[in-house]
Amino acid sequence: MPSRDFKTDDAVSSSTRPRLRARLRRAWSGLSDLILPPVCLSCREPMTAHDTLCATCWSGIDFIRPPICDRLGIPLPFATGDISLSAAAMADPPVYDRARTAAHYSGIMRRLIHDLKFHDRDDLVGLMGTWLMDAGRDILAQSDLIVPVPLSRSRLLRRRFNQSTRLGGDLARRSGLPMDALSLIRLRSTASQVGLSRSEREANVRGAFAVRENRRDRIDGRRIVLVDDVSTTGATVCAATRALRRAGAESVAVLTLALATGDGLGD
């Protein structure tokens, strides 16, 4: 009886495994589409793919695109060169190094963020993660660690999860950067920022953050991406940035889903 070439058999087996896995994934995808057909994450209209919006809802989001201020990440009326700075950034530079935001906090984006925070819409995290990845691609390429803005213990107990941590986790998976959700803590519960002026917001969060003493080495010398859902006056991320810098962070960049201005101020 001729002996079998086990090396050849192993090679053939190895070559067929990826094709088999691909067939199984397609079969499972087809079955899951029958059980849970894809719909628009906003209006629930039938779709051909999961985790996205229909064209109408997509057009209802006011994405922030270049030209933008390289420091604040806010939109500019026109580009002034390779690196453009807004008058606001030159007049009052923030304590963080750079900021990027995916869209304005209005319309459908505002409703989706509220659904994530208050209605347990965990199915939104994947799509929002792609928006964060697109908006922050340049700062992510120059960073070492993702740190979500923490909630106070009482607010975390009420909500049962931190939306910034969920967004940061998805972003870590996409970017390949590690996430640290334990080192930066909120020392005290703060009042809601909704309706507060800029100076009131700054006073509300002043000294509210710190890095745990036994985890300072995880922050020291690292280039941090600080992730939050909504940026308003920047008071919260500035207070968190100061805490990270006191722990030795080399740099802090801010990445948020939405930018709230004027009547659109969020919480």
Protein backbone atom coordinates (compact mmCIF):
# COMPACT_ATOMS: atom_id res chain seq x y z
CA MET A 1 0.00 0.00 0.00
CA PRO A 2 1.52 3.38 -0.98
CA SER A 3 2.32 5.62 1.94
CA ARG A 4 0.37 8.86 2.23
CA ASP A 5 2.21 12.14 1.90
CA PHE A 6 1.11 13.80 5.12
CA LYS A 7 2.92 17.05 4.25
CA THR A 8 0.93 17.30 1.03
CA ASP A 9 -2.31 16.51 2.88
CA ASP A 10 -1.54 19.19 5.46
CA ALA A 11 -0.82 21.74 2.73
CA VAL A 12 -4.08 20.95 0.94
CA SER A 13 -5.96 21.13 4.25
CA SER A 14 -4.37 24.49 5.06
CA SER A 15 -5.31 25.88 1.65
CA THR A 16 -8.94 24.81 1.97
CA ARG A 17 -9.50 26.16 5.48
CA PRO A 18 -9.74 29.86 4.47
CA ARG A 19 -12.23 28.99 1.70
CA LEU A 20 -14.29 26.93 4.13
CA ARG A 21 -14.30 29.74 6.69
CA ALA A 22 -15.36 32.23 3.99
CA ARG A 23 -18.26 29.96 2.95
CA LEU A 24 -19.35 29.59 6.57
CA ARG A 25 -19.25 33.35 7.08
CA ARG A 26 -21.36 33.91 3.96
CA ALA A 27 -23.83 31.25 5.06
CA TRP A 28 -24.10 32.74 8.55
CA SER A 29 -24.48 36.26 7.11
CA GLY A 30 -27.31 35.11 4.87
CA LEU A 31 -29.05 33.35 7.76
CA SER A 32 -28.68 36.33 10.09
CA ASP A 33 -30.09 38.64 7.39
CA LEU A 34 -33.18 36.44 7.24
CA ILE A 35 -33.61 36.58 11.02
CA LEU A 36 -32.66 40.26 11.41
CA PRO A 37 -32.88 42.01 8.03
CA PRO A 38 -30.57 45.05 7.71
CA VAL A 39 -32.25 48.40 8.32
CA CYS A 40 -31.13 52.03 8.53
CA LEU A 41 -29.87 52.68 12.05
CA SER A 42 -31.79 55.94 12.15
CA CYS A 43 -35.14 55.62 10.36
CA ARG A 44 -35.31 51.76 10.23
CA GLU A 45 -35.90 51.67 6.47
CA PRO A 46 -34.83 48.37 4.83
CA MET A 47 -31.20 48.32 3.70
CA THR A 48 -28.86 45.98 1.82
CA ALA A 49 -26.19 46.11 4.55
CA HIS A 50 -26.04 46.27 8.34
CA ASP A 51 -24.54 49.03 10.52
CA THR A 52 -25.14 51.99 8.27
CA LEU A 53 -27.64 54.72 7.36
CA CYS A 54 -29.83 55.19 4.34
CA ALA A 55 -28.86 57.93 1.88
CA THR A 56 -31.48 60.33 3.25
CA CYS A 57 -30.36 59.99 6.87
CA TRP A 58 -26.69 60.09 5.89
CA SER A 59 -27.25 63.39 4.12
CA GLY A 60 -28.87 64.70 7.32
CA ILE A 61 -25.56 64.53 9.20
CA ASP A 62 -23.41 67.65 9.01
CA PHE A 63 -19.95 66.10 8.84
CA ILE A 64 -16.92 68.29 9.51
CA ARG A 65 -14.57 68.17 6.54
CA PRO A 66 -11.38 70.04 5.61
CA PRO A 67 -10.40 72.79 5.69
CA ILE A 68 -10.27 72.71 9.47
CA CYS A 69 -8.21 74.37 12.18
CA ASP A 70 -5.28 72.05 12.87
CA ARG A 71 -5.40 72.85 16.61
CA LEU A 72 -9.12 72.97 17.44
CA GLY A 73 -10.49 70.84 14.61
CA ILE A 74 -13.25 73.36 13.89
CA PRO A 75 -14.25 74.08 10.26
CA LEU A 76 -12.65 77.01 8.44
CA PRO A 77 -14.18 79.01 5.57
CA PHE A 78 -11.13 78.39 3.39
CA ALA A 79 -7.68 76.80 3.54
CA THR A 80 -4.76 79.13 4.26
CA GLY A 81 -1.89 76.68 3.72
CA ASP A 82 -0.61 73.26 4.70
CA ILE A 83 -1.41 73.90 8.36
CA SER A 84 -4.34 76.21 9.03
CA LEU A 85 -5.08 77.77 12.42
CA SER A 86 -8.29 79.53 13.40
CA ALA A 87 -8.34 82.93 15.06
CA ALA A 88 -9.75 81.23 18.18
CA ALA A 89 -6.79 78.83 18.39
CA MET A 90 -4.27 81.66 18.06
CA ALA A 91 -6.05 83.94 20.54
CA ASP A 92 -6.69 81.27 23.20
CA PRO A 93 -4.71 78.05 22.58
CA PRO A 94 -6.20 75.01 24.35
CA VAL A 95 -4.24 72.91 26.83
CA TYR A 96 -4.53 69.86 24.57
CA ASP A 97 -2.39 69.60 21.44
CA ARG A 98 -4.94 68.94 18.70
CA ALA A 99 -8.61 68.07 18.35
CA ARG A 100 -10.69 66.33 15.71
CA THR A 101 -14.47 65.93 15.52
CA ALA A 102 -16.58 63.86 13.13
CA ALA A 103 -19.67 66.05 12.77
CA HIS A 104 -21.78 68.86 14.21
CA TYR A 105 -24.04 68.03 17.15
CA SER A 106 -27.31 68.63 15.36
CA GLY A 107 -30.17 66.82 13.64
CA ILE A 108 -29.71 63.08 13.20
CA MET A 109 -26.27 63.02 14.83
CA ARG A 110 -27.68 64.55 18.00
CA ARG A 111 -30.51 62.00 18.09
CA LEU A 112 -28.15 59.06 17.48
CA ILE A 113 -25.83 60.14 20.30
CA HIS A 114 -28.80 60.46 22.66
CA ASP A 115 -29.95 56.99 21.60
CA LEU A 116 -26.50 55.59 22.39
CA LYS A 117 -26.27 57.29 25.80
CA PHE A 118 -29.80 56.94 27.10
CA HIS A 119 -31.51 54.17 25.13
CA ASP A 120 -28.86 51.42 25.12
CA ARG A 121 -28.34 51.62 21.34
CA ASP A 122 -25.15 49.58 21.37
CA ASP A 123 -25.77 48.76 17.69
CA LEU A 124 -24.66 52.32 16.87
CA VAL A 125 -21.11 51.88 18.17
CA GLY A 126 -19.72 50.25 15.02
CA LEU A 127 -20.88 53.02 12.69
CA MET A 128 -19.77 55.72 15.11
CA GLY A 129 -16.40 53.99 15.38
CA THR A 130 -15.89 54.34 11.63
CA TRP A 131 -16.71 58.06 11.86
CA LEU A 132 -14.21 58.52 14.68
CA MET A 133 -11.58 56.60 12.74
CA ASP A 134 -12.07 58.76 9.66
CA ALA A 135 -12.07 62.02 11.61
CA GLY A 136 -9.02 61.15 13.72
CA ARG A 137 -6.85 59.30 11.26
CA ASP A 138 -4.00 61.84 11.40
CA ILE A 139 -3.85 62.09 15.20
CA LEU A 140 -4.26 58.34 15.69
CA ALA A 141 -1.21 57.75 13.50
CA GLN A 142 0.85 59.84 15.94
CA SER A 143 -0.50 58.38 19.19
CA ASP A 144 0.25 55.46 21.52
CA LEU A 145 -2.82 55.05 23.70
CA ILE A 146 -6.59 55.66 23.66
CA VAL A 147 -8.12 56.98 26.90
CA PRO A 148 -11.90 57.51 27.19
CA VAL A 149 -13.26 60.37 29.30
CA PRO A 150 -14.55 58.67 32.48
CA LEU A 151 -17.96 59.07 34.09
CA SER A 152 -18.44 59.54 37.82
CA ARG A 153 -19.31 56.39 39.74
CA SER A 154 -22.88 57.56 40.41
CA ARG A 155 -23.55 58.40 36.76
CA LEU A 156 -21.98 55.13 35.64
CA LEU A 157 -24.32 53.23 37.97
CA ARG A 158 -27.34 55.06 36.55
CA ARG A 159 -26.39 54.54 32.89
CA ARG A 160 -24.75 51.11 33.42
CA PHE A 161 -22.07 51.90 30.84
CA ASN A 162 -19.78 54.70 29.67
CA GLN A 163 -20.47 55.57 26.04
CA SER A 164 -16.95 57.00 25.64
CA THR A 165 -15.45 53.68 26.73
CA ARG A 166 -17.56 51.79 24.18
CA LEU A 167 -16.54 54.20 21.44
CA GLY A 168 -12.90 54.01 22.53
CA GLY A 169 -12.98 50.21 22.50
CA ASP A 170 -14.29 50.12 18.94
CA LEU A 171 -11.72 52.70 17.90
CA ALA A 172 -8.94 50.64 19.51
CA ARG A 173 -10.03 47.60 17.50
CA ARG A 174 -10.01 49.57 14.26
CA SER A 175 -6.78 51.49 14.83
CA GLY A 176 -4.74 48.78 16.54
CA LEU A 177 -3.91 51.13 19.44
CA PRO A 178 -4.41 49.88 23.01
CA MET A 179 -7.09 51.46 25.21
CA ASP A 180 -6.72 52.28 28.90
CA ALA A 181 -10.10 52.85 30.57
CA LEU A 182 -8.83 52.51 34.15
CA SER A 183 -6.02 55.04 34.67
CA LEU A 184 -7.97 58.29 34.25
CA ILE A 185 -10.74 58.67 36.85
CA ARG A 186 -13.35 61.27 37.72
CA LEU A 187 -12.83 62.25 41.35
CA ARG A 188 -16.29 63.66 41.94
CA SER A 189 -19.68 63.82 40.36
CA THR A 190 -20.27 67.07 38.48
CA ALA A 191 -23.51 68.80 37.59
CA SER A 192 -24.82 68.46 34.05
CA GLN A 193 -23.08 70.87 31.69
CA VAL A 194 -26.31 71.59 29.78
CA GLY A 195 -27.25 75.26 29.99
CA LEU A 196 -24.01 76.36 31.65
CA SER A 197 -21.87 79.19 30.29
CA ARG A 198 -18.24 78.61 29.32
CA SER A 199 -16.92 79.90 32.65
CA GLU A 200 -19.52 77.87 34.57
CA ARG A 201 -18.54 74.71 32.67
CA GLU A 202 -14.86 75.29 33.45
CA ALA A 203 -15.61 75.79 37.15
CA ASN A 204 -17.88 72.73 37.17
CA VAL A 205 -15.14 70.33 36.02
CA ARG A 206 -12.08 72.04 37.52
CA GLY A 207 -10.06 69.43 39.39
CA ALA A 208 -12.61 66.73 38.60
CA PHE A 209 -10.10 64.31 37.00
CA ALA A 210 -6.95 62.53 38.10
CA VAL A 211 -4.75 59.61 37.11
CA ARG A 212 -4.55 56.77 39.63
CA GLU A 213 -1.23 56.86 41.46
CA ASN A 214 -0.56 53.16 40.85
CA ARG A 215 -1.14 53.58 37.10
CA ARG A 216 0.81 56.77 36.37
CA ASP A 217 3.51 54.73 34.63
CA ARG A 218 0.92 53.74 32.01
CA ILE A 219 0.43 57.42 31.11
CA ASP A 220 3.93 58.79 31.62
CA GLY A 221 5.65 59.51 28.30
CA ARG A 222 2.69 58.33 26.22
CA ARG A 223 0.96 60.17 23.37
CA ILE A 224 -2.70 60.05 24.35
CA VAL A 225 -5.90 60.21 22.31
CA LEU A 226 -8.67 61.36 24.66
CA VAL A 227 -12.06 60.11 23.39
CA ASP A 228 -15.47 61.62 24.22
CA ASP A 229 -18.88 61.74 22.56
CA VAL A 230 -19.59 65.50 22.40
CA SER A 231 -17.32 68.54 22.57
CA THR A 232 -18.92 71.82 23.64
CA THR A 233 -16.75 74.57 25.13
CA GLY A 234 -13.95 72.05 25.67
CA ALA A 235 -14.05 72.44 29.46
CA THR A 236 -14.31 68.70 30.16
CA VAL A 237 -11.52 67.59 27.82
CA CYS A 238 -9.29 70.44 29.03
CA ALA A 239 -9.75 69.34 32.65
CA ALA A 240 -9.01 65.72 31.68
CA THR A 241 -5.98 66.84 29.65
CA ARG A 242 -4.51 68.65 32.67
CA ALA A 243 -4.79 65.47 34.73
CA LEU A 244 -3.06 63.43 32.01
CA ARG A 245 -0.27 66.00 31.68
CA ARG A 246 0.29 65.99 35.46
CA ALA A 247 0.82 62.24 35.13
CA GLY A 248 3.50 62.82 32.49
CA ALA A 249 1.65 62.39 29.18
CA GLU A 250 3.88 63.52 26.32
CA SER A 251 0.93 64.85 24.34
CA VAL A 252 -2.87 64.79 24.42
CA ALA A 253 -5.08 64.90 21.34
CA VAL A 254 -8.87 65.01 21.59
CA LEU A 255 -11.20 62.98 19.39
CA THR A 256 -14.98 63.41 19.64
CA LEU A 257 -18.02 62.37 17.68
CA ALA A 258 -19.73 65.73 17.60
CA LEU A 259 -19.12 69.43 18.09
CA ALA A 260 -21.87 71.41 19.84
CA THR A 261 -22.06 75.18 19.38
CA GLY A 262 -24.65 77.83 20.20
CA ASP A 263 -28.10 76.37 20.80
CA GLY A 264 -26.73 72.89 20.12
CA LEU A 265 -24.74 72.74 23.35
CA GLY A 266 -24.81 69.22 24.66
CA ASP A 267 -24.06 67.54 27.94
